[in-house]
Amino acid sequence: MQRFEPLNDDPAGSTQHSLQPFWFLFIVSFVEGGAVMAVELVGAKIVGPFYGNSLYVWAAVLGLTLGGLTAGYFLGGALSKSYPCKRTLYVIMLVSAVLVGLMPWTANLIMEATLGLELRAGITLSCLVFLFPPLACFGMVSPLIVRLVTTHDSKVGHAAGTVYAISTVGGILATYIIAFYAIPAVGMRESLFAAAILLALFPMLYFTGLEKRITGW
């Protein structure tokens, strides 16, 4: 197994007690939080033409959103221990961007294939296939960011609280922007494409070396 050197405890010449040097990762967390809500809201709308907008639909979407995030938190925690580096984070971001960009097609394919099933089974299976994977990727992001920004054991709580708060704020803002403006103005598919592009932007900056120039570490 590939081994990783310990993370630099003092990136960009910062003190151990400051989270300021990690502002770029906080932007990543903000966008990830927004993407979670984009996928959840648009996912529920995509299911509508096939299965309606009943309580069953929302129960399946909400349940599998939580399930995907839960799986991602667990896997992200394990990855943060075995592969604590920015490369791991940005590979996951890139995978999530691809999955979000493909959602309109994967959703239609799976729902056409499950229309013959019992209503609750069809809704649940459909959401499991096209919603669960990107949400699991999103769930992995925050534990990895917490690991990257934690410069001292006594500051883990502070780092975790900051990362999850920023992610949640991104989700709140995205909920209103997507529901009130993006979907009515440009449509569901275009809203997903915009989210996918934003998610892919960070891996592109990292793999081209621009992220290191911007952040200094």
N, C-alpha and C. Protein backbone atom coordinates (compact mmCIF):
# COMPACT_ATOMS: atom_id res chain seq x y z
N MET A 1 0.85 -1.20 0.00
CA MET A 1 0.00 0.00 0.00
C MET A 1 0.88 1.25 0.00
N GLN A 2 0.48 2.24 -0.78
CA GLN A 2 1.24 3.48 -0.83
C GLN A 2 1.19 4.19 0.51
N ARG A 3 2.35 4.67 0.96
CA ARG A 3 2.42 5.36 2.24
C ARG A 3 2.49 6.86 2.00
N PHE A 4 1.91 7.62 2.91
CA PHE A 4 1.88 9.07 2.79
C PHE A 4 2.63 9.68 3.96
N GLU A 5 3.39 10.69 3.64
CA GLU A 5 4.10 11.41 4.69
C GLU A 5 3.11 12.19 5.53
N PRO A 6 3.44 12.46 6.80
CA PRO A 6 2.54 13.27 7.63
C PRO A 6 2.29 14.62 6.99
N LEU A 7 1.10 15.11 7.20
CA LEU A 7 0.75 16.41 6.64
C LEU A 7 1.59 17.51 7.27
N ASN A 8 1.85 18.53 6.49
CA ASN A 8 2.58 19.68 7.00
C ASN A 8 1.74 20.38 8.05
N ASP A 9 2.26 20.49 9.26
CA ASP A 9 1.51 21.10 10.35
C ASP A 9 1.44 22.61 10.25
N ASP A 10 2.19 23.18 9.35
CA ASP A 10 2.25 24.64 9.31
C ASP A 10 2.31 25.12 7.87
N PRO A 11 1.29 24.86 7.05
CA PRO A 11 1.32 25.27 5.66
C PRO A 11 1.34 26.77 5.51
N ALA A 12 2.08 27.20 4.49
CA ALA A 12 2.12 28.63 4.13
C ALA A 12 2.61 29.48 5.28
N GLY A 13 3.41 28.88 6.19
CA GLY A 13 3.96 29.67 7.28
C GLY A 13 2.96 30.08 8.31
N SER A 14 1.83 29.38 8.43
CA SER A 14 0.79 29.77 9.39
C SER A 14 1.15 29.29 10.77
N THR A 15 0.44 29.79 11.76
CA THR A 15 0.58 29.27 13.11
C THR A 15 -0.29 28.04 13.25
N GLN A 16 -0.03 27.24 14.29
CA GLN A 16 -0.79 26.01 14.47
C GLN A 16 -2.25 26.28 14.78
N HIS A 17 -2.58 27.45 15.28
CA HIS A 17 -3.92 27.71 15.78
C HIS A 17 -4.81 28.42 14.78
N SER A 18 -4.34 28.62 13.55
CA SER A 18 -5.11 29.39 12.57
C SER A 18 -5.62 28.48 11.46
N LEU A 19 -6.88 28.68 11.10
CA LEU A 19 -7.45 27.98 9.95
C LEU A 19 -7.41 28.84 8.69
N GLN A 20 -6.87 30.06 8.82
CA GLN A 20 -6.89 31.01 7.71
C GLN A 20 -6.20 30.51 6.44
N PRO A 21 -5.06 29.78 6.53
CA PRO A 21 -4.41 29.33 5.30
C PRO A 21 -5.24 28.35 4.47
N PHE A 22 -6.30 27.82 5.05
CA PHE A 22 -7.07 26.77 4.37
C PHE A 22 -8.33 27.32 3.71
N TRP A 23 -8.34 28.60 3.40
CA TRP A 23 -9.53 29.23 2.85
C TRP A 23 -10.00 28.54 1.56
N PHE A 24 -9.05 28.05 0.76
CA PHE A 24 -9.43 27.41 -0.50
C PHE A 24 -10.23 26.13 -0.24
N LEU A 25 -9.81 25.37 0.76
CA LEU A 25 -10.54 24.16 1.11
C LEU A 25 -11.92 24.48 1.67
N PHE A 26 -12.06 25.62 2.33
CA PHE A 26 -13.37 26.03 2.82
C PHE A 26 -14.30 26.38 1.65
N ILE A 27 -13.75 26.93 0.58
CA ILE A 27 -14.57 27.19 -0.61
C ILE A 27 -15.02 25.86 -1.21
N VAL A 28 -14.12 24.87 -1.23
CA VAL A 28 -14.49 23.54 -1.69
C VAL A 28 -15.65 22.99 -0.86
N SER A 29 -15.56 23.15 0.45
CA SER A 29 -16.62 22.67 1.35
C SER A 29 -17.94 23.39 1.07
N PHE A 30 -17.88 24.68 0.82
CA PHE A 30 -19.07 25.48 0.53
C PHE A 30 -19.75 24.98 -0.75
N VAL A 31 -18.97 24.76 -1.79
CA VAL A 31 -19.52 24.29 -3.07
C VAL A 31 -20.07 22.88 -2.93
N GLU A 32 -19.36 22.03 -2.18
CA GLU A 32 -19.86 20.66 -1.95
C GLU A 32 -21.21 20.68 -1.26
N GLY A 33 -21.37 21.54 -0.26
CA GLY A 33 -22.66 21.65 0.43
C GLY A 33 -23.76 22.10 -0.50
N GLY A 34 -23.44 23.04 -1.38
CA GLY A 34 -24.42 23.48 -2.36
C GLY A 34 -24.78 22.38 -3.35
N ALA A 35 -23.79 21.61 -3.74
CA ALA A 35 -24.03 20.53 -4.70
C ALA A 35 -24.93 19.45 -4.11
N VAL A 36 -24.81 19.20 -2.82
CA VAL A 36 -25.69 18.22 -2.17
C VAL A 36 -27.15 18.60 -2.37
N MET A 37 -27.45 19.86 -2.11
CA MET A 37 -28.83 20.30 -2.24
C MET A 37 -29.28 20.37 -3.70
N ALA A 38 -28.34 20.70 -4.59
CA ALA A 38 -28.69 20.71 -6.02
C ALA A 38 -29.10 19.32 -6.47
N VAL A 39 -28.33 18.32 -6.09
CA VAL A 39 -28.63 16.94 -6.48
C VAL A 39 -29.94 16.48 -5.83
N GLU A 40 -30.15 16.82 -4.58
CA GLU A 40 -31.37 16.40 -3.90
C GLU A 40 -32.61 17.03 -4.52
N LEU A 41 -32.58 18.34 -4.74
CA LEU A 41 -33.75 19.03 -5.29
C LEU A 41 -34.03 18.60 -6.73
N VAL A 42 -32.99 18.60 -7.55
CA VAL A 42 -33.19 18.22 -8.95
C VAL A 42 -33.55 16.75 -9.05
N GLY A 43 -32.95 15.93 -8.18
CA GLY A 43 -33.29 14.50 -8.18
C GLY A 43 -34.77 14.26 -7.95
N ALA A 44 -35.33 14.98 -6.98
CA ALA A 44 -36.76 14.84 -6.71
C ALA A 44 -37.60 15.30 -7.90
N LYS A 45 -37.16 16.35 -8.57
CA LYS A 45 -37.90 16.84 -9.75
C LYS A 45 -37.79 15.87 -10.92
N ILE A 46 -36.63 15.22 -11.06
CA ILE A 46 -36.46 14.26 -12.16
C ILE A 46 -37.38 13.05 -11.98
N VAL A 47 -37.56 12.64 -10.74
CA VAL A 47 -38.41 11.48 -10.46
C VAL A 47 -39.88 11.78 -10.77
N GLY A 48 -40.26 13.03 -10.63
CA GLY A 48 -41.66 13.44 -10.76
C GLY A 48 -42.39 12.94 -11.99
N PRO A 49 -41.85 13.15 -13.20
CA PRO A 49 -42.58 12.71 -14.40
C PRO A 49 -42.83 11.21 -14.47
N PHE A 50 -42.03 10.44 -13.77
CA PHE A 50 -42.18 8.98 -13.80
C PHE A 50 -43.03 8.46 -12.66
N TYR A 51 -42.84 9.04 -11.46
CA TYR A 51 -43.49 8.49 -10.27
C TYR A 51 -44.34 9.52 -9.52
N GLY A 52 -44.45 10.74 -10.05
CA GLY A 52 -45.24 11.76 -9.38
C GLY A 52 -44.47 12.46 -8.28
N ASN A 53 -45.16 13.26 -7.51
CA ASN A 53 -44.54 14.02 -6.42
C ASN A 53 -45.15 13.65 -5.07
N SER A 54 -45.38 12.37 -4.90
CA SER A 54 -46.05 11.88 -3.70
C SER A 54 -45.09 11.85 -2.51
N LEU A 55 -45.65 11.52 -1.37
CA LEU A 55 -44.86 11.35 -0.15
C LEU A 55 -43.81 10.26 -0.34
N TYR A 56 -44.13 9.22 -1.10
CA TYR A 56 -43.17 8.15 -1.35
C TYR A 56 -41.92 8.67 -2.04
N VAL A 57 -42.11 9.55 -3.00
CA VAL A 57 -40.97 10.11 -3.73
C VAL A 57 -40.05 10.88 -2.79
N TRP A 58 -40.64 11.76 -1.99
CA TRP A 58 -39.82 12.57 -1.10
C TRP A 58 -39.18 11.74 0.00
N ALA A 59 -39.89 10.71 0.46
CA ALA A 59 -39.31 9.82 1.46
C ALA A 59 -38.09 9.09 0.90
N ALA A 60 -38.20 8.61 -0.35
CA ALA A 60 -37.08 7.91 -0.97
C ALA A 60 -35.91 8.85 -1.21
N VAL A 61 -36.19 10.05 -1.71
CA VAL A 61 -35.12 11.02 -1.99
C VAL A 61 -34.42 11.43 -0.69
N LEU A 62 -35.19 11.78 0.33
CA LEU A 62 -34.58 12.21 1.59
C LEU A 62 -33.83 11.06 2.27
N GLY A 63 -34.45 9.88 2.27
CA GLY A 63 -33.81 8.74 2.92
C GLY A 63 -32.50 8.36 2.25
N LEU A 64 -32.48 8.35 0.92
CA LEU A 64 -31.26 7.97 0.22
C LEU A 64 -30.23 9.10 0.21
N THR A 65 -30.69 10.34 0.34
CA THR A 65 -29.74 11.44 0.53
C THR A 65 -28.98 11.24 1.84
N LEU A 66 -29.72 10.98 2.90
CA LEU A 66 -29.07 10.74 4.20
C LEU A 66 -28.22 9.48 4.16
N GLY A 67 -28.73 8.44 3.49
CA GLY A 67 -27.96 7.21 3.38
C GLY A 67 -26.65 7.39 2.63
N GLY A 68 -26.71 8.12 1.51
CA GLY A 68 -25.51 8.38 0.73
C GLY A 68 -24.49 9.19 1.51
N LEU A 69 -24.96 10.24 2.19
CA LEU A 69 -24.06 11.05 2.99
C LEU A 69 -23.45 10.24 4.13
N THR A 70 -24.27 9.41 4.77
CA THR A 70 -23.76 8.58 5.87
C THR A 70 -22.65 7.65 5.39
N ALA A 71 -22.90 6.98 4.27
CA ALA A 71 -21.87 6.10 3.71
C ALA A 71 -20.61 6.89 3.37
N GLY A 72 -20.81 8.08 2.82
CA GLY A 72 -19.67 8.92 2.47
C GLY A 72 -18.89 9.38 3.69
N TYR A 73 -19.58 9.76 4.75
CA TYR A 73 -18.88 10.16 5.98
C TYR A 73 -18.00 9.03 6.49
N PHE A 74 -18.55 7.80 6.48
CA PHE A 74 -17.79 6.65 6.97
C PHE A 74 -16.58 6.38 6.08
N LEU A 75 -16.79 6.35 4.77
CA LEU A 75 -15.70 6.08 3.84
C LEU A 75 -14.68 7.22 3.85
N GLY A 76 -15.17 8.46 3.95
CA GLY A 76 -14.26 9.60 4.00
C GLY A 76 -13.39 9.57 5.24
N GLY A 77 -13.97 9.15 6.36
CA GLY A 77 -13.18 9.03 7.58
C GLY A 77 -12.08 8.00 7.42
N ALA A 78 -12.41 6.87 6.78
CA ALA A 78 -11.40 5.83 6.56
C ALA A 78 -10.31 6.31 5.59
N LEU A 79 -10.72 6.99 4.52
CA LEU A 79 -9.75 7.51 3.56
C LEU A 79 -8.86 8.57 4.18
N SER A 80 -9.42 9.39 5.06
CA SER A 80 -8.63 10.45 5.68
C SER A 80 -7.52 9.89 6.56
N LYS A 81 -7.70 8.66 7.00
CA LYS A 81 -6.66 8.01 7.81
C LYS A 81 -5.61 7.34 6.92
N SER A 82 -6.05 6.70 5.84
CA SER A 82 -5.13 5.95 4.98
C SER A 82 -4.49 6.81 3.88
N TYR A 83 -5.25 7.78 3.37
CA TYR A 83 -4.77 8.60 2.25
C TYR A 83 -5.01 10.08 2.55
N PRO A 84 -4.33 10.64 3.54
CA PRO A 84 -4.60 12.03 3.96
C PRO A 84 -3.88 13.06 3.09
N CYS A 85 -4.36 13.21 1.86
CA CYS A 85 -3.71 14.17 0.97
C CYS A 85 -4.76 14.84 0.09
N LYS A 86 -4.36 15.97 -0.49
CA LYS A 86 -5.29 16.71 -1.33
C LYS A 86 -5.64 15.95 -2.61
N ARG A 87 -4.74 15.14 -3.09
CA ARG A 87 -5.03 14.37 -4.30
C ARG A 87 -6.27 13.50 -4.10
N THR A 88 -6.37 12.85 -2.95
CA THR A 88 -7.55 12.01 -2.66
C THR A 88 -8.82 12.84 -2.72
N LEU A 89 -8.78 14.02 -2.09
CA LEU A 89 -9.94 14.90 -2.08
C LEU A 89 -10.38 15.27 -3.49
N TYR A 90 -9.42 15.66 -4.32
CA TYR A 90 -9.78 16.17 -5.64
C TYR A 90 -10.16 15.06 -6.61
N VAL A 91 -9.64 13.86 -6.41
CA VAL A 91 -10.12 12.74 -7.22
C VAL A 91 -11.60 12.48 -6.93
N ILE A 92 -11.96 12.51 -5.65
CA ILE A 92 -13.36 12.31 -5.26
C ILE A 92 -14.23 13.43 -5.82
N MET A 93 -13.75 14.66 -5.77
CA MET A 93 -14.50 15.78 -6.35
C MET A 93 -14.72 15.58 -7.84
N LEU A 94 -13.70 15.09 -8.53
CA LEU A 94 -13.82 14.87 -9.96
C LEU A 94 -14.84 13.77 -10.27
N VAL A 95 -14.79 12.68 -9.51
CA VAL A 95 -15.77 11.61 -9.69
C VAL A 95 -17.18 12.12 -9.44
N SER A 96 -17.36 12.91 -8.40
CA SER A 96 -18.69 13.45 -8.10
C SER A 96 -19.17 14.37 -9.22
N ALA A 97 -18.26 15.15 -9.81
CA ALA A 97 -18.65 16.03 -10.91
C ALA A 97 -19.15 15.22 -12.10
N VAL A 98 -18.46 14.12 -12.42
CA VAL A 98 -18.88 13.26 -13.53
C VAL A 98 -20.25 12.65 -13.25
N LEU A 99 -20.44 12.16 -12.03
CA LEU A 99 -21.72 11.53 -11.67
C LEU A 99 -22.88 12.54 -11.74
N VAL A 100 -22.63 13.76 -11.28
CA VAL A 100 -23.68 14.79 -11.34
C VAL A 100 -23.99 15.15 -12.78
N GLY A 101 -22.95 15.30 -13.61
CA GLY A 101 -23.17 15.64 -15.01
C GLY A 101 -23.94 14.57 -15.78
N LEU A 102 -23.78 13.32 -15.36
CA LEU A 102 -24.46 12.21 -16.03
C LEU A 102 -25.86 11.93 -15.48
N MET A 103 -26.22 12.58 -14.39
CA MET A 103 -27.50 12.29 -13.73
C MET A 103 -28.72 12.33 -14.63
N PRO A 104 -28.88 13.32 -15.50
CA PRO A 104 -30.09 13.33 -16.34
C PRO A 104 -30.25 12.06 -17.17
N TRP A 105 -29.16 11.49 -17.65
CA TRP A 105 -29.23 10.28 -18.48
C TRP A 105 -29.37 9.03 -17.62
N THR A 106 -28.57 8.92 -16.55
CA THR A 106 -28.67 7.73 -15.70
C THR A 106 -30.03 7.65 -15.04
N ALA A 107 -30.58 8.80 -14.64
CA ALA A 107 -31.90 8.80 -14.00
C ALA A 107 -32.97 8.31 -14.96
N ASN A 108 -32.97 8.82 -16.18
CA ASN A 108 -33.99 8.41 -17.15
C ASN A 108 -33.88 6.92 -17.47
N LEU A 109 -32.66 6.44 -17.63
CA LEU A 109 -32.47 5.03 -17.97
C LEU A 109 -32.98 4.12 -16.86
N ILE A 110 -32.62 4.42 -15.62
CA ILE A 110 -33.01 3.52 -14.53
C ILE A 110 -34.50 3.61 -14.26
N MET A 111 -35.09 4.80 -14.39
CA MET A 111 -36.52 4.91 -14.10
C MET A 111 -37.38 4.26 -15.18
N GLU A 112 -36.93 4.32 -16.42
CA GLU A 112 -37.64 3.58 -17.47
C GLU A 112 -37.57 2.08 -17.23
N ALA A 113 -36.43 1.63 -16.66
CA ALA A 113 -36.26 0.20 -16.40
C ALA A 113 -37.04 -0.27 -15.18
N THR A 114 -37.40 0.64 -14.28
CA THR A 114 -38.08 0.23 -13.03
C THR A 114 -39.57 0.55 -13.02
N LEU A 115 -40.11 1.07 -14.12
CA LEU A 115 -41.52 1.45 -14.13
C LEU A 115 -42.45 0.27 -13.89
N GLY A 116 -42.00 -0.93 -14.20
CA GLY A 116 -42.85 -2.09 -14.01
C GLY A 116 -42.88 -2.61 -12.59
N LEU A 117 -42.04 -2.05 -11.73
CA LEU A 117 -41.98 -2.51 -10.34
C LEU A 117 -43.08 -1.87 -9.52
N GLU A 118 -43.31 -2.43 -8.35
CA GLU A 118 -44.22 -1.81 -7.38
C GLU A 118 -43.73 -0.40 -7.08
N LEU A 119 -44.65 0.52 -6.85
CA LEU A 119 -44.33 1.94 -6.77
C LEU A 119 -43.18 2.24 -5.82
N ARG A 120 -43.28 1.80 -4.57
CA ARG A 120 -42.24 2.13 -3.58
C ARG A 120 -40.90 1.48 -3.93
N ALA A 121 -40.96 0.26 -4.45
CA ALA A 121 -39.72 -0.41 -4.83
C ALA A 121 -39.06 0.29 -6.01
N GLY A 122 -39.88 0.70 -6.99
CA GLY A 122 -39.34 1.38 -8.16
C GLY A 122 -38.70 2.71 -7.82
N ILE A 123 -39.37 3.49 -6.97
CA ILE A 123 -38.82 4.79 -6.57
C ILE A 123 -37.50 4.60 -5.82
N THR A 124 -37.51 3.68 -4.87
CA THR A 124 -36.32 3.47 -4.03
C THR A 124 -35.15 2.97 -4.85
N LEU A 125 -35.38 1.99 -5.71
CA LEU A 125 -34.31 1.45 -6.53
C LEU A 125 -33.76 2.51 -7.49
N SER A 126 -34.65 3.30 -8.08
CA SER A 126 -34.21 4.34 -8.99
C SER A 126 -33.31 5.36 -8.29
N CYS A 127 -33.75 5.83 -7.14
CA CYS A 127 -32.96 6.82 -6.38
C CYS A 127 -31.65 6.22 -5.89
N LEU A 128 -31.67 4.93 -5.55
CA LEU A 128 -30.46 4.26 -5.10
C LEU A 128 -29.39 4.26 -6.19
N VAL A 129 -29.81 4.10 -7.44
CA VAL A 129 -28.86 4.02 -8.55
C VAL A 129 -28.32 5.38 -8.94
N PHE A 130 -29.17 6.40 -9.07
CA PHE A 130 -28.67 7.67 -9.61
C PHE A 130 -28.42 8.75 -8.55
N LEU A 131 -28.97 8.60 -7.35
CA LEU A 131 -28.74 9.60 -6.30
C LEU A 131 -27.65 9.18 -5.31
N PHE A 132 -27.65 7.93 -4.92
CA PHE A 132 -26.76 7.47 -3.88
C PHE A 132 -25.27 7.67 -4.21
N PRO A 133 -24.79 7.30 -5.41
CA PRO A 133 -23.35 7.43 -5.68
C PRO A 133 -22.79 8.85 -5.56
N PRO A 134 -23.41 9.89 -6.21
CA PRO A 134 -22.84 11.22 -6.03
C PRO A 134 -22.92 11.72 -4.60
N LEU A 135 -23.98 11.36 -3.89
CA LEU A 135 -24.12 11.81 -2.51
C LEU A 135 -23.10 11.13 -1.60
N ALA A 136 -22.77 9.89 -1.89
CA ALA A 136 -21.71 9.22 -1.13
C ALA A 136 -20.37 9.92 -1.36
N CYS A 137 -20.12 10.34 -2.59
CA CYS A 137 -18.90 11.10 -2.87
C CYS A 137 -18.89 12.42 -2.10
N PHE A 138 -20.03 13.11 -2.08
CA PHE A 138 -20.10 14.36 -1.33
C PHE A 138 -19.81 14.13 0.15
N GLY A 139 -20.34 13.03 0.69
CA GLY A 139 -20.12 12.74 2.09
C GLY A 139 -18.66 12.53 2.44
N MET A 140 -17.87 12.06 1.49
CA MET A 140 -16.44 11.83 1.75
C MET A 140 -15.64 13.13 1.84
N VAL A 141 -16.17 14.20 1.28
CA VAL A 141 -15.41 15.44 1.16
C VAL A 141 -15.11 16.07 2.52
N SER A 142 -16.12 16.23 3.36
CA SER A 142 -15.91 16.93 4.63
C SER A 142 -14.91 16.25 5.55
N PRO A 143 -14.98 14.92 5.76
CA PRO A 143 -13.97 14.28 6.62
C PRO A 143 -12.55 14.49 6.10
N LEU A 144 -12.37 14.46 4.77
CA LEU A 144 -11.05 14.68 4.21
C LEU A 144 -10.58 16.12 4.44
N ILE A 145 -11.49 17.07 4.27
CA ILE A 145 -11.11 18.46 4.51
C ILE A 145 -10.77 18.68 5.98
N VAL A 146 -11.55 18.10 6.87
CA VAL A 146 -11.25 18.21 8.30
C VAL A 146 -9.85 17.69 8.59
N ARG A 147 -9.51 16.56 7.99
CA ARG A 147 -8.16 16.00 8.19
C ARG A 147 -7.09 16.93 7.66
N LEU A 148 -7.33 17.54 6.50
CA LEU A 148 -6.34 18.41 5.90
C LEU A 148 -6.14 19.71 6.67
N VAL A 149 -7.20 20.22 7.29
CA VAL A 149 -7.08 21.50 7.98
C VAL A 149 -6.76 21.34 9.46
N THR A 150 -6.74 20.11 9.97
CA THR A 150 -6.47 19.90 11.38
C THR A 150 -4.96 19.96 11.61
N THR A 151 -4.51 21.01 12.27
CA THR A 151 -3.08 21.20 12.50
C THR A 151 -2.65 20.81 13.90
N HIS A 152 -3.61 20.49 14.76
CA HIS A 152 -3.28 20.12 16.13
C HIS A 152 -4.45 19.34 16.69
N ASP A 153 -4.14 18.30 17.47
CA ASP A 153 -5.20 17.44 18.00
C ASP A 153 -6.27 18.21 18.76
N SER A 154 -5.85 19.23 19.50
CA SER A 154 -6.80 19.97 20.32
C SER A 154 -7.74 20.83 19.48
N LYS A 155 -7.44 20.96 18.18
CA LYS A 155 -8.24 21.82 17.30
C LYS A 155 -9.16 21.04 16.38
N VAL A 156 -9.28 19.73 16.59
CA VAL A 156 -10.12 18.92 15.71
C VAL A 156 -11.56 19.39 15.75
N GLY A 157 -12.08 19.64 16.96
CA GLY A 157 -13.46 20.10 17.08
C GLY A 157 -13.70 21.41 16.37
N HIS A 158 -12.76 22.33 16.52
CA HIS A 158 -12.87 23.62 15.85
C HIS A 158 -12.88 23.45 14.34
N ALA A 159 -11.96 22.63 13.82
CA ALA A 159 -11.87 22.42 12.37
C ALA A 159 -13.14 21.75 11.84
N ALA A 160 -13.60 20.71 12.55
CA ALA A 160 -14.80 19.99 12.09
C ALA A 160 -16.01 20.90 12.11
N GLY A 161 -16.17 21.68 13.17
CA GLY A 161 -17.31 22.59 13.24
C GLY A 161 -17.29 23.62 12.14
N THR A 162 -16.11 24.15 11.83
CA THR A 162 -15.99 25.16 10.77
C THR A 162 -16.32 24.57 9.41
N VAL A 163 -15.77 23.39 9.12
CA VAL A 163 -15.99 22.76 7.82
C VAL A 163 -17.47 22.43 7.62
N TYR A 164 -18.10 21.82 8.61
CA TYR A 164 -19.51 21.43 8.46
C TYR A 164 -20.43 22.65 8.44
N ALA A 165 -20.07 23.70 9.17
CA ALA A 165 -20.88 24.92 9.14
C ALA A 165 -20.83 25.57 7.76
N ILE A 166 -19.63 25.64 7.18
CA ILE A 166 -19.49 26.24 5.86
C ILE A 166 -20.23 25.42 4.81
N SER A 167 -20.11 24.10 4.91
CA SER A 167 -20.82 23.22 3.97
C SER A 167 -22.33 23.42 4.08
N THR A 168 -22.82 23.54 5.31
CA THR A 168 -24.26 23.72 5.51
C THR A 168 -24.74 25.06 4.97
N VAL A 169 -23.96 26.12 5.16
CA VAL A 169 -24.32 27.43 4.61
C VAL A 169 -24.40 27.34 3.09
N GLY A 170 -23.45 26.63 2.47
CA GLY A 170 -23.52 26.44 1.02
C GLY A 170 -24.79 25.74 0.61
N GLY A 171 -25.20 24.73 1.40
CA GLY A 171 -26.44 24.02 1.10
C GLY A 171 -27.67 24.89 1.23
N ILE A 172 -27.70 25.73 2.26
CA ILE A 172 -28.84 26.62 2.47
C ILE A 172 -28.98 27.60 1.31
N LEU A 173 -27.88 28.24 0.93
CA LEU A 173 -27.94 29.21 -0.16
C LEU A 173 -28.31 28.52 -1.48
N ALA A 174 -27.73 27.35 -1.71
CA ALA A 174 -28.04 26.63 -2.95
C ALA A 174 -29.50 26.23 -3.03
N THR A 175 -30.10 25.89 -1.89
CA THR A 175 -31.51 25.51 -1.88
C THR A 175 -32.38 26.62 -2.45
N TYR A 176 -32.16 27.84 -1.98
CA TYR A 176 -32.97 28.97 -2.45
C TYR A 176 -32.62 29.37 -3.88
N ILE A 177 -31.34 29.38 -4.21
CA ILE A 177 -30.94 29.78 -5.56
C ILE A 177 -31.47 28.80 -6.60
N ILE A 178 -31.34 27.52 -6.32
CA ILE A 178 -31.75 26.51 -7.29
C ILE A 178 -33.27 26.44 -7.41
N ALA A 179 -33.96 26.44 -6.25
CA ALA A 179 -35.42 26.30 -6.27
C ALA A 179 -36.12 27.57 -6.77
N PHE A 180 -35.61 28.74 -6.38
CA PHE A 180 -36.29 29.99 -6.72
C PHE A 180 -35.86 30.57 -8.07
N TYR A 181 -34.63 30.28 -8.49
CA TYR A 181 -34.10 30.95 -9.68
C TYR A 181 -33.60 30.00 -10.76
N ALA A 182 -32.70 29.07 -10.41
CA ALA A 182 -32.02 28.28 -11.43
C ALA A 182 -32.98 27.35 -12.19
N ILE A 183 -33.73 26.53 -11.47
CA ILE A 183 -34.63 25.60 -12.16
C ILE A 183 -35.71 26.33 -12.96
N PRO A 184 -36.39 27.35 -12.39
CA PRO A 184 -37.39 28.06 -13.21
C PRO A 184 -36.79 28.78 -14.41
N ALA A 185 -35.55 29.28 -14.27
CA ALA A 185 -34.97 30.09 -15.34
C ALA A 185 -34.31 29.26 -16.42
N VAL A 186 -33.53 28.24 -16.04
CA VAL A 186 -32.75 27.51 -17.04
C VAL A 186 -33.08 26.03 -17.12
N GLY A 187 -33.76 25.49 -16.12
CA GLY A 187 -34.15 24.09 -16.16
C GLY A 187 -33.29 23.19 -15.29
N MET A 188 -33.75 21.96 -15.15
CA MET A 188 -33.08 21.02 -14.25
C MET A 188 -31.74 20.55 -14.80
N ARG A 189 -31.71 20.17 -16.07
CA ARG A 189 -30.48 19.64 -16.65
C ARG A 189 -29.36 20.67 -16.60
N GLU A 190 -29.68 21.89 -16.96
CA GLU A 190 -28.67 22.95 -16.96
C GLU A 190 -28.19 23.25 -15.54
N SER A 191 -29.10 23.17 -14.58
CA SER A 191 -28.70 23.39 -13.19
C SER A 191 -27.71 22.33 -12.73
N LEU A 192 -27.95 21.08 -13.12
CA LEU A 192 -27.01 20.01 -12.79
C LEU A 192 -25.68 20.21 -13.49
N PHE A 193 -25.70 20.63 -14.73
CA PHE A 193 -24.45 20.87 -15.46
C PHE A 193 -23.64 21.97 -14.77
N ALA A 194 -24.32 23.02 -14.32
CA ALA A 194 -23.62 24.10 -13.63
C ALA A 194 -22.97 23.58 -12.34
N ALA A 195 -23.69 22.75 -11.60
CA ALA A 195 -23.12 22.16 -10.38
C ALA A 195 -21.93 21.28 -10.72
N ALA A 196 -22.04 20.48 -11.79
CA ALA A 196 -20.95 19.60 -12.19
C ALA A 196 -19.71 20.40 -12.58
N ILE A 197 -19.91 21.50 -13.28
CA ILE A 197 -18.78 22.34 -13.70
C ILE A 197 -18.08 22.94 -12.48
N LEU A 198 -18.87 23.43 -11.53
CA LEU A 198 -18.27 23.98 -10.31
C LEU A 198 -17.48 22.93 -9.55
N LEU A 199 -18.03 21.72 -9.45
CA LEU A 199 -17.33 20.65 -8.77
C LEU A 199 -16.04 20.27 -9.49
N ALA A 200 -16.07 20.27 -10.81
CA ALA A 200 -14.89 19.88 -11.60
C ALA A 200 -13.82 20.96 -11.60
N LEU A 201 -14.20 22.20 -11.32
CA LEU A 201 -13.24 23.30 -11.36
C LEU A 201 -12.08 23.09 -10.38
N PHE A 202 -12.39 22.61 -9.19
CA PHE A 202 -11.34 22.45 -8.16
C PHE A 202 -10.34 21.37 -8.53
N PRO A 203 -10.75 20.17 -8.97
CA PRO A 203 -9.75 19.20 -9.44
C PRO A 203 -8.93 19.72 -10.61
N MET A 204 -9.55 20.48 -11.51
CA MET A 204 -8.80 21.03 -12.64
C MET A 204 -7.71 21.96 -12.16
N LEU A 205 -8.03 22.81 -11.19
CA LEU A 205 -7.02 23.72 -10.64
C LEU A 205 -5.91 22.95 -9.96
N TYR A 206 -6.27 21.87 -9.26
CA TYR A 206 -5.26 21.08 -8.55
C TYR A 206 -4.35 20.35 -9.53
N PHE A 207 -4.92 19.62 -10.48
CA PHE A 207 -4.11 18.78 -11.37
C PHE A 207 -3.32 19.60 -12.38
N THR A 208 -3.68 20.85 -12.60
CA THR A 208 -2.88 21.72 -13.47
C THR A 208 -1.83 22.51 -12.70
N GLY A 209 -1.83 22.37 -11.37
CA GLY A 209 -0.85 23.08 -10.55
C GLY A 209 -1.26 24.48 -10.15
N LEU A 210 -2.41 24.95 -10.64
CA LEU A 210 -2.82 26.32 -10.32
C LEU A 210 -3.27 26.46 -8.87
N GLU A 211 -3.83 25.40 -8.30
CA GLU A 211 -4.28 25.46 -6.91
C GLU A 211 -3.11 25.74 -5.98
N LYS A 212 -1.97 25.11 -6.24
CA LYS A 212 -0.79 25.33 -5.39
C LYS A 212 -0.27 26.76 -5.54
N ARG A 213 -0.34 27.30 -6.74
CA ARG A 213 0.08 28.69 -6.93
C ARG A 213 -0.84 29.65 -6.17
N ILE A 214 -2.13 29.32 -6.17
CA ILE A 214 -3.11 30.19 -5.52
C ILE A 214 -2.96 30.15 -4.01
N THR A 215 -2.82 28.95 -3.46
CA THR A 215 -2.82 28.79 -2.01
C THR A 215 -1.42 28.85 -1.39
N GLY A 216 -0.42 28.51 -2.15
CA GLY A 216 0.95 28.52 -1.63
C GLY A 216 1.36 27.24 -0.93
N TRP A 217 0.48 26.20 -0.95
CA TRP A 217 0.89 24.91 -0.33
C TRP A 217 0.19 23.74 -1.00
